[in-house]
Amino acid sequence: MTKSFAGLSQIVAQTDKPVNALVAGDYASYDRADFTKIGVARLSLGSALARTMHRVIHDAATVMFGAGEFSALGDDIDGGIADALLAKD
């Protein structure tokens, strides 16, 4: 357990209010069960998902514009799968 996660655990233990955690930085190395175990009420992604997508775009563009190679474009997801993820409750 990192020092920051131990601190979050202490915050949760010292309040009766729901605690929100931003899943970024050191916290990205923990899973939902870890947060549940210490009593975190809500998890927020902030801009982490967007930054992850920016990395994918950057890496694909670097290869396309550098080596002129397009194989990264073949590692996509079927539109139906993406639609089903967005439609979940």
PDB file of N, CA and C in Angstrom:
ATOM      1  N   MET A   1       0.854  -1.173   0.000  1.00  0.00           N
ATOM      2  CA  MET A   1       0.000   0.000   0.000  1.00  0.00           C
ATOM      3  C   MET A   1       0.900   1.237   0.000  1.00  0.00           C
ATOM      4  N   THR A   2       0.653   2.142  -0.954  1.00  0.00           N
ATOM      5  CA  THR A   2       1.455   3.366  -1.003  1.00  0.00           C
ATOM      6  C   THR A   2       1.077   4.301   0.143  1.00  0.00           C
ATOM      7  N   LYS A   3       1.949   5.247   0.402  1.00  0.00           N
ATOM      8  CA  LYS A   3       1.694   6.213   1.469  1.00  0.00           C
ATOM      9  C   LYS A   3       0.405   6.999   1.189  1.00  0.00           C
ATOM     10  N   SER A   4       0.192   7.368  -0.083  1.00  0.00           N
ATOM     11  CA  SER A   4      -1.006   8.144  -0.415  1.00  0.00           C
ATOM     12  C   SER A   4      -2.279   7.313  -0.239  1.00  0.00           C
ATOM     13  N   PHE A   5      -2.227   6.009  -0.556  1.00  0.00           N
ATOM     14  CA  PHE A   5      -3.403   5.155  -0.387  1.00  0.00           C
ATOM     15  C   PHE A   5      -3.673   4.932   1.100  1.00  0.00           C
ATOM     16  N   ALA A   6      -2.623   4.805   1.886  1.00  0.00           N
ATOM     17  CA  ALA A   6      -2.798   4.685   3.338  1.00  0.00           C
ATOM     18  C   ALA A   6      -3.436   5.954   3.889  1.00  0.00           C
ATOM     19  N   GLY A   7      -3.037   7.114   3.362  1.00  0.00           N
ATOM     20  CA  GLY A   7      -3.639   8.375   3.778  1.00  0.00           C
ATOM     21  C   GLY A   7      -5.107   8.443   3.417  1.00  0.00           C
ATOM     22  N   LEU A   8      -5.452   7.963   2.228  1.00  0.00           N
ATOM     23  CA  LEU A   8      -6.855   7.925   1.812  1.00  0.00           C
ATOM     24  C   LEU A   8      -7.652   7.026   2.746  1.00  0.00           C
ATOM     25  N   SER A   9      -7.079   5.910   3.098  1.00  0.00           N
ATOM     26  CA  SER A   9      -7.726   4.991   4.036  1.00  0.00           C
ATOM     27  C   SER A   9      -7.999   5.670   5.373  1.00  0.00           C
ATOM     28  N   GLN A  10      -7.051   6.471   5.850  1.00  0.00           N
ATOM     29  CA  GLN A  10      -7.236   7.203   7.108  1.00  0.00           C
ATOM     30  C   GLN A  10      -8.347   8.239   6.997  1.00  0.00           C
ATOM     31  N   ILE A  11      -8.415   8.923   5.870  1.00  0.00           N
ATOM     32  CA  ILE A  11      -9.474   9.913   5.657  1.00  0.00           C
ATOM     33  C   ILE A  11     -10.837   9.241   5.722  1.00  0.00           C
ATOM     34  N   VAL A  12     -10.970   8.121   5.012  1.00  0.00           N
ATOM     35  CA  VAL A  12     -12.244   7.399   5.006  1.00  0.00           C
ATOM     36  C   VAL A  12     -12.616   6.967   6.422  1.00  0.00           C
ATOM     37  N   ALA A  13     -11.649   6.483   7.176  1.00  0.00           N
ATOM     38  CA  ALA A  13     -11.906   5.989   8.536  1.00  0.00           C
ATOM     39  C   ALA A  13     -12.289   7.113   9.496  1.00  0.00           C
ATOM     40  N   GLN A  14     -11.869   8.344   9.206  1.00  0.00           N
ATOM     41  CA  GLN A  14     -12.090   9.446  10.140  1.00  0.00           C
ATOM     42  C   GLN A  14     -13.323  10.290   9.833  1.00  0.00           C
ATOM     43  N   THR A  15     -14.134   9.876   8.840  1.00  0.00           N
ATOM     44  CA  THR A  15     -15.340  10.637   8.536  1.00  0.00           C
ATOM     45  C   THR A  15     -16.513   9.702   8.331  1.00  0.00           C
ATOM     46  N   ASP A  16     -17.698  10.231   8.567  1.00  0.00           N
ATOM     47  CA  ASP A  16     -18.892   9.445   8.282  1.00  0.00           C
ATOM     48  C   ASP A  16     -19.523   9.896   6.966  1.00  0.00           C
ATOM     49  N   LYS A  17     -18.847  10.800   6.275  1.00  0.00           N
ATOM     50  CA  LYS A  17     -19.307  11.285   4.969  1.00  0.00           C
ATOM     51  C   LYS A  17     -18.756  10.386   3.868  1.00  0.00           C
ATOM     52  N   PRO A  18     -19.463  10.301   2.737  1.00  0.00           N
ATOM     53  CA  PRO A  18     -18.931   9.514   1.613  1.00  0.00           C
ATOM     54  C   PRO A  18     -17.670  10.173   1.054  1.00  0.00           C
ATOM     55  N   VAL A  19     -16.695   9.371   0.761  1.00  0.00           N
ATOM     56  CA  VAL A  19     -15.414   9.863   0.231  1.00  0.00           C
ATOM     57  C   VAL A  19     -15.289   9.453  -1.229  1.00  0.00           C
ATOM     58  N   ASN A  20     -14.916  10.422  -2.049  1.00  0.00           N
ATOM     59  CA  ASN A  20     -14.694  10.231  -3.464  1.00  0.00           C
ATOM     60  C   ASN A  20     -13.186  10.129  -3.703  1.00  0.00           C
ATOM     61  N   ALA A  21     -12.761   9.218  -4.566  1.00  0.00           N
ATOM     62  CA  ALA A  21     -11.339   9.110  -4.904  1.00  0.00           C
ATOM     63  C   ALA A  21     -11.158   9.306  -6.406  1.00  0.00           C
ATOM     64  N   LEU A  22     -10.175  10.104  -6.772  1.00  0.00           N
ATOM     65  CA  LEU A  22      -9.817  10.308  -8.165  1.00  0.00           C
ATOM     66  C   LEU A  22      -8.811   9.229  -8.560  1.00  0.00           C
ATOM     67  N   VAL A  23      -9.201   8.376  -9.488  1.00  0.00           N
ATOM     68  CA  VAL A  23      -8.346   7.266  -9.906  1.00  0.00           C
ATOM     69  C   VAL A  23      -7.335   7.796 -10.922  1.00  0.00           C
ATOM     70  N   ALA A  24      -6.232   8.296 -10.399  1.00  0.00           N
ATOM     71  CA  ALA A  24      -5.161   8.857 -11.220  1.00  0.00           C
ATOM     72  C   ALA A  24      -3.866   8.743 -10.431  1.00  0.00           C
ATOM     73  N   GLY A  25      -2.760   8.926 -11.101  1.00  0.00           N
ATOM     74  CA  GLY A  25      -1.468   8.855 -10.416  1.00  0.00           C
ATOM     75  C   GLY A  25      -1.279   7.509  -9.732  1.00  0.00           C
ATOM     76  N   ASP A  26      -0.837   7.558  -8.478  1.00  0.00           N
ATOM     77  CA  ASP A  26      -0.594   6.324  -7.714  1.00  0.00           C
ATOM     78  C   ASP A  26      -1.857   5.471  -7.571  1.00  0.00           C
ATOM     79  N   TYR A  27      -3.005   6.135  -7.518  1.00  0.00           N
ATOM     80  CA  TYR A  27      -4.253   5.392  -7.309  1.00  0.00           C
ATOM     81  C   TYR A  27      -4.627   4.511  -8.500  1.00  0.00           C
ATOM     82  N   ALA A  28      -4.084   4.773  -9.676  1.00  0.00           N
ATOM     83  CA  ALA A  28      -4.392   3.964 -10.855  1.00  0.00           C
ATOM     84  C   ALA A  28      -3.849   2.542 -10.737  1.00  0.00           C
ATOM     85  N   SER A  29      -2.966   2.307  -9.783  1.00  0.00           N
ATOM     86  CA  SER A  29      -2.417   0.957  -9.615  1.00  0.00           C
ATOM     87  C   SER A  29      -3.296   0.075  -8.732  1.00  0.00           C
ATOM     88  N   TYR A  30      -4.388   0.636  -8.203  1.00  0.00           N
ATOM     89  CA  TYR A  30      -5.312  -0.121  -7.360  1.00  0.00           C
ATOM     90  C   TYR A  30      -6.560  -0.469  -8.163  1.00  0.00           C
ATOM     91  N   ASP A  31      -7.269  -1.506  -7.736  1.00  0.00           N
ATOM     92  CA  ASP A  31      -8.504  -1.855  -8.424  1.00  0.00           C
ATOM     93  C   ASP A  31      -9.717  -1.502  -7.565  1.00  0.00           C
ATOM     94  N   ARG A  32     -10.888  -1.687  -8.134  1.00  0.00           N
ATOM     95  CA  ARG A  32     -12.123  -1.305  -7.454  1.00  0.00           C
ATOM     96  C   ARG A  32     -12.248  -2.000  -6.104  1.00  0.00           C
ATOM     97  N   ALA A  33     -11.846  -3.262  -6.028  1.00  0.00           N
ATOM     98  CA  ALA A  33     -11.931  -4.002  -4.764  1.00  0.00           C
ATOM     99  C   ALA A  33     -11.075  -3.354  -3.678  1.00  0.00           C
ATOM    100  N   ASP A  34      -9.917  -2.824  -4.041  1.00  0.00           N
ATOM    101  CA  ASP A  34      -9.057  -2.155  -3.058  1.00  0.00           C
ATOM    102  C   ASP A  34      -9.752  -0.923  -2.476  1.00  0.00           C
ATOM    103  N   PHE A  35     -10.382  -0.133  -3.342  1.00  0.00           N
ATOM    104  CA  PHE A  35     -11.090   1.053  -2.868  1.00  0.00           C
ATOM    105  C   PHE A  35     -12.292   0.660  -2.016  1.00  0.00           C
ATOM    106  N   THR A  36     -12.997  -0.376  -2.435  1.00  0.00           N
ATOM    107  CA  THR A  36     -14.147  -0.858  -1.668  1.00  0.00           C
ATOM    108  C   THR A  36     -13.716  -1.315  -0.289  1.00  0.00           C
ATOM    109  N   LYS A  37     -12.601  -2.009  -0.230  1.00  0.00           N
ATOM    110  CA  LYS A  37     -12.092  -2.544   1.039  1.00  0.00           C
ATOM    111  C   LYS A  37     -11.839  -1.449   2.074  1.00  0.00           C
ATOM    112  N   ILE A  38     -11.388  -0.279   1.632  1.00  0.00           N
ATOM    113  CA  ILE A  38     -11.117   0.795   2.600  1.00  0.00           C
ATOM    114  C   ILE A  38     -12.328   1.715   2.789  1.00  0.00           C
ATOM    115  N   GLY A  39     -13.401   1.470   2.013  1.00  0.00           N
ATOM    116  CA  GLY A  39     -14.639   2.213   2.229  1.00  0.00           C
ATOM    117  C   GLY A  39     -14.866   3.433   1.366  1.00  0.00           C
ATOM    118  N   VAL A  40     -14.131   3.574   0.278  1.00  0.00           N
ATOM    119  CA  VAL A  40     -14.358   4.698  -0.632  1.00  0.00           C
ATOM    120  C   VAL A  40     -15.741   4.543  -1.259  1.00  0.00           C
ATOM    121  N   ALA A  41     -16.509   5.633  -1.274  1.00  0.00           N
ATOM    122  CA  ALA A  41     -17.893   5.577  -1.762  1.00  0.00           C
ATOM    123  C   ALA A  41     -18.001   5.727  -3.282  1.00  0.00           C
ATOM    124  N   ARG A  42     -17.157   6.570  -3.864  1.00  0.00           N
ATOM    125  CA  ARG A  42     -17.240   6.845  -5.297  1.00  0.00           C
ATOM    126  C   ARG A  42     -15.846   6.932  -5.899  1.00  0.00           C
ATOM    127  N   LEU A  43     -15.750   6.461  -7.140  1.00  0.00           N
ATOM    128  CA  LEU A  43     -14.506   6.581  -7.891  1.00  0.00           C
ATOM    129  C   LEU A  43     -14.738   7.506  -9.075  1.00  0.00           C
ATOM    130  N   SER A  44     -13.812   8.427  -9.288  1.00  0.00           N
ATOM    131  CA  SER A  44     -13.880   9.350 -10.413  1.00  0.00           C
ATOM    132  C   SER A  44     -12.685   9.116 -11.318  1.00  0.00           C
ATOM    133  N   LEU A  45     -12.908   9.250 -12.615  1.00  0.00           N
ATOM    134  CA  LEU A  45     -11.822   9.097 -13.577  1.00  0.00           C
ATOM    135  C   LEU A  45     -11.196  10.430 -13.954  1.00  0.00           C
ATOM    136  N   GLY A  46     -11.916  11.518 -13.736  1.00  0.00           N
ATOM    137  CA  GLY A  46     -11.390  12.812 -14.151  1.00  0.00           C
ATOM    138  C   GLY A  46     -11.058  12.770 -15.628  1.00  0.00           C
ATOM    139  N   SER A  47      -9.896  13.221 -15.998  1.00  0.00           N
ATOM    140  CA  SER A  47      -9.490  13.210 -17.403  1.00  0.00           C
ATOM    141  C   SER A  47      -8.604  12.009 -17.741  1.00  0.00           C
ATOM    142  N   ALA A  48      -8.490  11.042 -16.827  1.00  0.00           N
ATOM    143  CA  ALA A  48      -7.582   9.910 -17.042  1.00  0.00           C
ATOM    144  C   ALA A  48      -7.927   9.100 -18.284  1.00  0.00           C
ATOM    145  N   LEU A  49      -9.214   8.858 -18.529  1.00  0.00           N
ATOM    146  CA  LEU A  49      -9.600   8.092 -19.705  1.00  0.00           C
ATOM    147  C   LEU A  49      -9.250   8.854 -20.977  1.00  0.00           C
ATOM    148  N   ALA A  50      -9.479  10.143 -20.986  1.00  0.00           N
ATOM    149  CA  ALA A  50      -9.118  10.958 -22.154  1.00  0.00           C
ATOM    150  C   ALA A  50      -7.607  10.949 -22.374  1.00  0.00           C
ATOM    151  N   ARG A  51      -6.837  11.076 -21.294  1.00  0.00           N
ATOM    152  CA  ARG A  51      -5.367  11.059 -21.435  1.00  0.00           C
ATOM    153  C   ARG A  51      -4.875   9.709 -21.935  1.00  0.00           C
ATOM    154  N   THR A  52      -5.537   8.639 -21.547  1.00  0.00           N
ATOM    155  CA  THR A  52      -5.187   7.309 -22.058  1.00  0.00           C
ATOM    156  C   THR A  52      -5.424   7.254 -23.563  1.00  0.00           C
ATOM    157  N   MET A  53      -6.540   7.812 -24.004  1.00  0.00           N
ATOM    158  CA  MET A  53      -6.826   7.853 -25.442  1.00  0.00           C
ATOM    159  C   MET A  53      -5.827   8.747 -26.173  1.00  0.00           C
ATOM    160  N   HIS A  54      -5.419   9.826 -25.542  1.00  0.00           N
ATOM    161  CA  HIS A  54      -4.412  10.697 -26.164  1.00  0.00           C
ATOM    162  C   HIS A  54      -3.121   9.925 -26.396  1.00  0.00           C
ATOM    163  N   ARG A  55      -2.766   9.026 -25.467  1.00  0.00           N
ATOM    164  CA  ARG A  55      -1.554   8.207 -25.630  1.00  0.00           C
ATOM    165  C   ARG A  55      -1.694   7.292 -26.838  1.00  0.00           C
ATOM    166  N   VAL A  56      -2.864   6.668 -27.005  1.00  0.00           N
ATOM    167  CA  VAL A  56      -3.104   5.781 -28.151  1.00  0.00           C
ATOM    168  C   VAL A  56      -2.985   6.571 -29.454  1.00  0.00           C
ATOM    169  N   ILE A  57      -3.605   7.752 -29.490  1.00  0.00           N
ATOM    170  CA  ILE A  57      -3.545   8.589 -30.688  1.00  0.00           C
ATOM    171  C   ILE A  57      -2.103   9.016 -30.969  1.00  0.00           C
ATOM    172  N   HIS A  58      -1.401   9.426 -29.939  1.00  0.00           N
ATOM    173  CA  HIS A  58      -0.002   9.846 -30.099  1.00  0.00           C
ATOM    174  C   HIS A  58       0.854   8.718 -30.656  1.00  0.00           C
ATOM    175  N   ASP A  59       0.728   7.531 -30.063  1.00  0.00           N
ATOM    176  CA  ASP A  59       1.559   6.405 -30.495  1.00  0.00           C
ATOM    177  C   ASP A  59       1.248   6.003 -31.930  1.00  0.00           C
ATOM    178  N   ALA A  60      -0.043   5.966 -32.295  1.00  0.00           N
ATOM    179  CA  ALA A  60      -0.417   5.613 -33.670  1.00  0.00           C
ATOM    180  C   ALA A  60       0.082   6.670 -34.647  1.00  0.00           C
ATOM    181  N   ALA A  61      -0.075   7.940 -34.303  1.00  0.00           N
ATOM    182  CA  ALA A  61       0.350   9.022 -35.190  1.00  0.00           C
ATOM    183  C   ALA A  61       1.864   9.037 -35.359  1.00  0.00           C
ATOM    184  N   THR A  62       2.588   8.752 -34.297  1.00  0.00           N
ATOM    185  CA  THR A  62       4.050   8.726 -34.377  1.00  0.00           C
ATOM    186  C   THR A  62       4.513   7.702 -35.405  1.00  0.00           C
ATOM    187  N   VAL A  63       3.905   6.529 -35.386  1.00  0.00           N
ATOM    188  CA  VAL A  63       4.277   5.482 -36.344  1.00  0.00           C
ATOM    189  C   VAL A  63       3.814   5.850 -37.760  1.00  0.00           C
ATOM    190  N   MET A  64       2.589   6.366 -37.867  1.00  0.00           N
ATOM    191  CA  MET A  64       2.063   6.712 -39.201  1.00  0.00           C
ATOM    192  C   MET A  64       2.891   7.810 -39.854  1.00  0.00           C
ATOM    193  N   PHE A  65       3.158   8.887 -39.104  1.00  0.00           N
ATOM    194  CA  PHE A  65       3.860  10.023 -39.690  1.00  0.00           C
ATOM    195  C   PHE A  65       5.367   9.821 -39.732  1.00  0.00           C
ATOM    196  N   GLY A  66       5.870   8.951 -38.874  1.00  0.00           N
ATOM    197  CA  GLY A  66       7.301   8.668 -38.864  1.00  0.00           C
ATOM    198  C   GLY A  66       7.684   7.602 -39.875  1.00  0.00           C
ATOM    199  N   ALA A  67       7.212   6.388 -39.666  1.00  0.00           N
ATOM    200  CA  ALA A  67       7.586   5.266 -40.514  1.00  0.00           C
ATOM    201  C   ALA A  67       6.632   5.080 -41.690  1.00  0.00           C
ATOM    202  N   GLY A  68       5.507   5.794 -41.680  1.00  0.00           N
ATOM    203  CA  GLY A  68       4.537   5.633 -42.764  1.00  0.00           C
ATOM    204  C   GLY A  68       3.816   4.301 -42.688  1.00  0.00           C
ATOM    205  N   GLU A  69       3.676   3.777 -41.494  1.00  0.00           N
ATOM    206  CA  GLU A  69       3.118   2.445 -41.265  1.00  0.00           C
ATOM    207  C   GLU A  69       1.793   2.582 -40.520  1.00  0.00           C
ATOM    208  N   PHE A  70       0.778   1.814 -40.915  1.00  0.00           N
ATOM    209  CA  PHE A  70      -0.583   2.020 -40.425  1.00  0.00           C
ATOM    210  C   PHE A  70      -1.149   0.857 -39.616  1.00  0.00           C
ATOM    211  N   SER A  71      -0.333  -0.054 -39.159  1.00  0.00           N
ATOM    212  CA  SER A  71      -0.849  -1.242 -38.462  1.00  0.00           C
ATOM    213  C   SER A  71      -1.604  -0.898 -37.173  1.00  0.00           C
ATOM    214  N   ALA A  72      -1.285   0.224 -36.536  1.00  0.00           N
ATOM    215  CA  ALA A  72      -1.978   0.604 -35.304  1.00  0.00           C
ATOM    216  C   ALA A  72      -3.468   0.840 -35.554  1.00  0.00           C
ATOM    217  N   LEU A  73      -3.830   1.164 -36.787  1.00  0.00           N
ATOM    218  CA  LEU A  73      -5.231   1.392 -37.111  1.00  0.00           C
ATOM    219  C   LEU A  73      -6.016   0.090 -37.187  1.00  0.00           C
ATOM    220  N   GLY A  74      -5.326  -1.035 -37.228  1.00  0.00           N
ATOM    221  CA  GLY A  74      -5.990  -2.337 -37.281  1.00  0.00           C
ATOM    222  C   GLY A  74      -6.339  -2.872 -35.909  1.00  0.00           C
ATOM    223  N   ASP A  75      -5.913  -2.178 -34.866  1.00  0.00           N
ATOM    224  CA  ASP A  75      -6.169  -2.627 -33.488  1.00  0.00           C
ATOM    225  C   ASP A  75      -7.360  -1.868 -32.918  1.00  0.00           C
ATOM    226  N   ASP A  76      -8.476  -1.943 -33.644  1.00  0.00           N
ATOM    227  CA  ASP A  76      -9.652  -1.188 -33.244  1.00  0.00           C
ATOM    228  C   ASP A  76     -10.678  -2.075 -32.544  1.00  0.00           C
ATOM    229  N   ILE A  77     -11.811  -1.486 -32.234  1.00  0.00           N
ATOM    230  CA  ILE A  77     -12.888  -2.217 -31.572  1.00  0.00           C
ATOM    231  C   ILE A  77     -14.131  -2.104 -32.449  1.00  0.00           C
ATOM    232  N   ASP A  78     -14.883  -3.160 -32.511  1.00  0.00           N
ATOM    233  CA  ASP A  78     -16.114  -3.169 -33.285  1.00  0.00           C
ATOM    234  C   ASP A  78     -17.084  -2.117 -32.738  1.00  0.00           C
ATOM    235  N   GLY A  79     -17.725  -1.391 -33.607  1.00  0.00           N
ATOM    236  CA  GLY A  79     -18.664  -0.350 -33.190  1.00  0.00           C
ATOM    237  C   GLY A  79     -19.771  -0.874 -32.301  1.00  0.00           C
ATOM    238  N   GLY A  80     -20.221  -2.098 -32.531  1.00  0.00           N
ATOM    239  CA  GLY A  80     -21.273  -2.682 -31.692  1.00  0.00           C
ATOM    240  C   GLY A  80     -20.822  -2.865 -30.259  1.00  0.00           C
ATOM    241  N   ILE A  81     -19.564  -3.219 -30.073  1.00  0.00           N
ATOM    242  CA  ILE A  81     -19.039  -3.393 -28.711  1.00  0.00           C
ATOM    243  C   ILE A  81     -18.973  -2.035 -28.009  1.00  0.00           C
ATOM    244  N   ALA A  82     -18.489  -1.016 -28.704  1.00  0.00           N
ATOM    245  CA  ALA A  82     -18.431   0.325 -28.119  1.00  0.00           C
ATOM    246  C   ALA A  82     -19.833   0.825 -27.780  1.00  0.00           C
ATOM    247  N   ASP A  83     -20.799   0.608 -28.686  1.00  0.00           N
ATOM    248  CA  ASP A  83     -22.178   1.029 -28.428  1.00  0.00           C
ATOM    249  C   ASP A  83     -22.751   0.337 -27.197  1.00  0.00           C
ATOM    250  N   ALA A  84     -22.472  -0.966 -27.060  1.00  0.00           N
ATOM    251  CA  ALA A  84     -22.993  -1.719 -25.912  1.00  0.00           C
ATOM    252  C   ALA A  84     -22.402  -1.198 -24.611  1.00  0.00           C
ATOM    253  N   LEU A  85     -21.131  -0.810 -24.596  1.00  0.00           N
ATOM    254  CA  LEU A  85     -20.522  -0.240 -23.397  1.00  0.00           C
ATOM    255  C   LEU A  85     -21.206   1.073 -22.998  1.00  0.00           C
ATOM    256  N   LEU A  86     -21.494   1.892 -23.983  1.00  0.00           N
ATOM    257  CA  LEU A  86     -22.121   3.182 -23.715  1.00  0.00           C
ATOM    258  C   LEU A  86     -23.578   3.036 -23.281  1.00  0.00           C
ATOM    259  N   ALA A  87     -24.217   1.933 -23.670  1.00  0.00           N
ATOM    260  CA  ALA A  87     -25.634   1.736 -23.360  1.00  0.00           C
ATOM    261  C   ALA A  87     -25.858   1.098 -21.991  1.00  0.00           C
ATOM    262  N   LYS A  88     -24.795   0.612 -21.340  1.00  0.00           N
ATOM    263  CA  LYS A  88     -24.956  -0.039 -20.037  1.00  0.00           C
ATOM    264  C   LYS A  88     -25.441   0.966 -19.004  1.00  0.00           C
ATOM    265  N   ASP A  89     -26.258   0.462 -18.071  1.00  0.00           N
ATOM    266  CA  ASP A  89     -26.761   1.313 -16.987  1.00  0.00           C
ATOM    267  C   ASP A  89     -25.690   1.623 -15.988  1.00  0.00           C
TER     268      ASP A  89
END
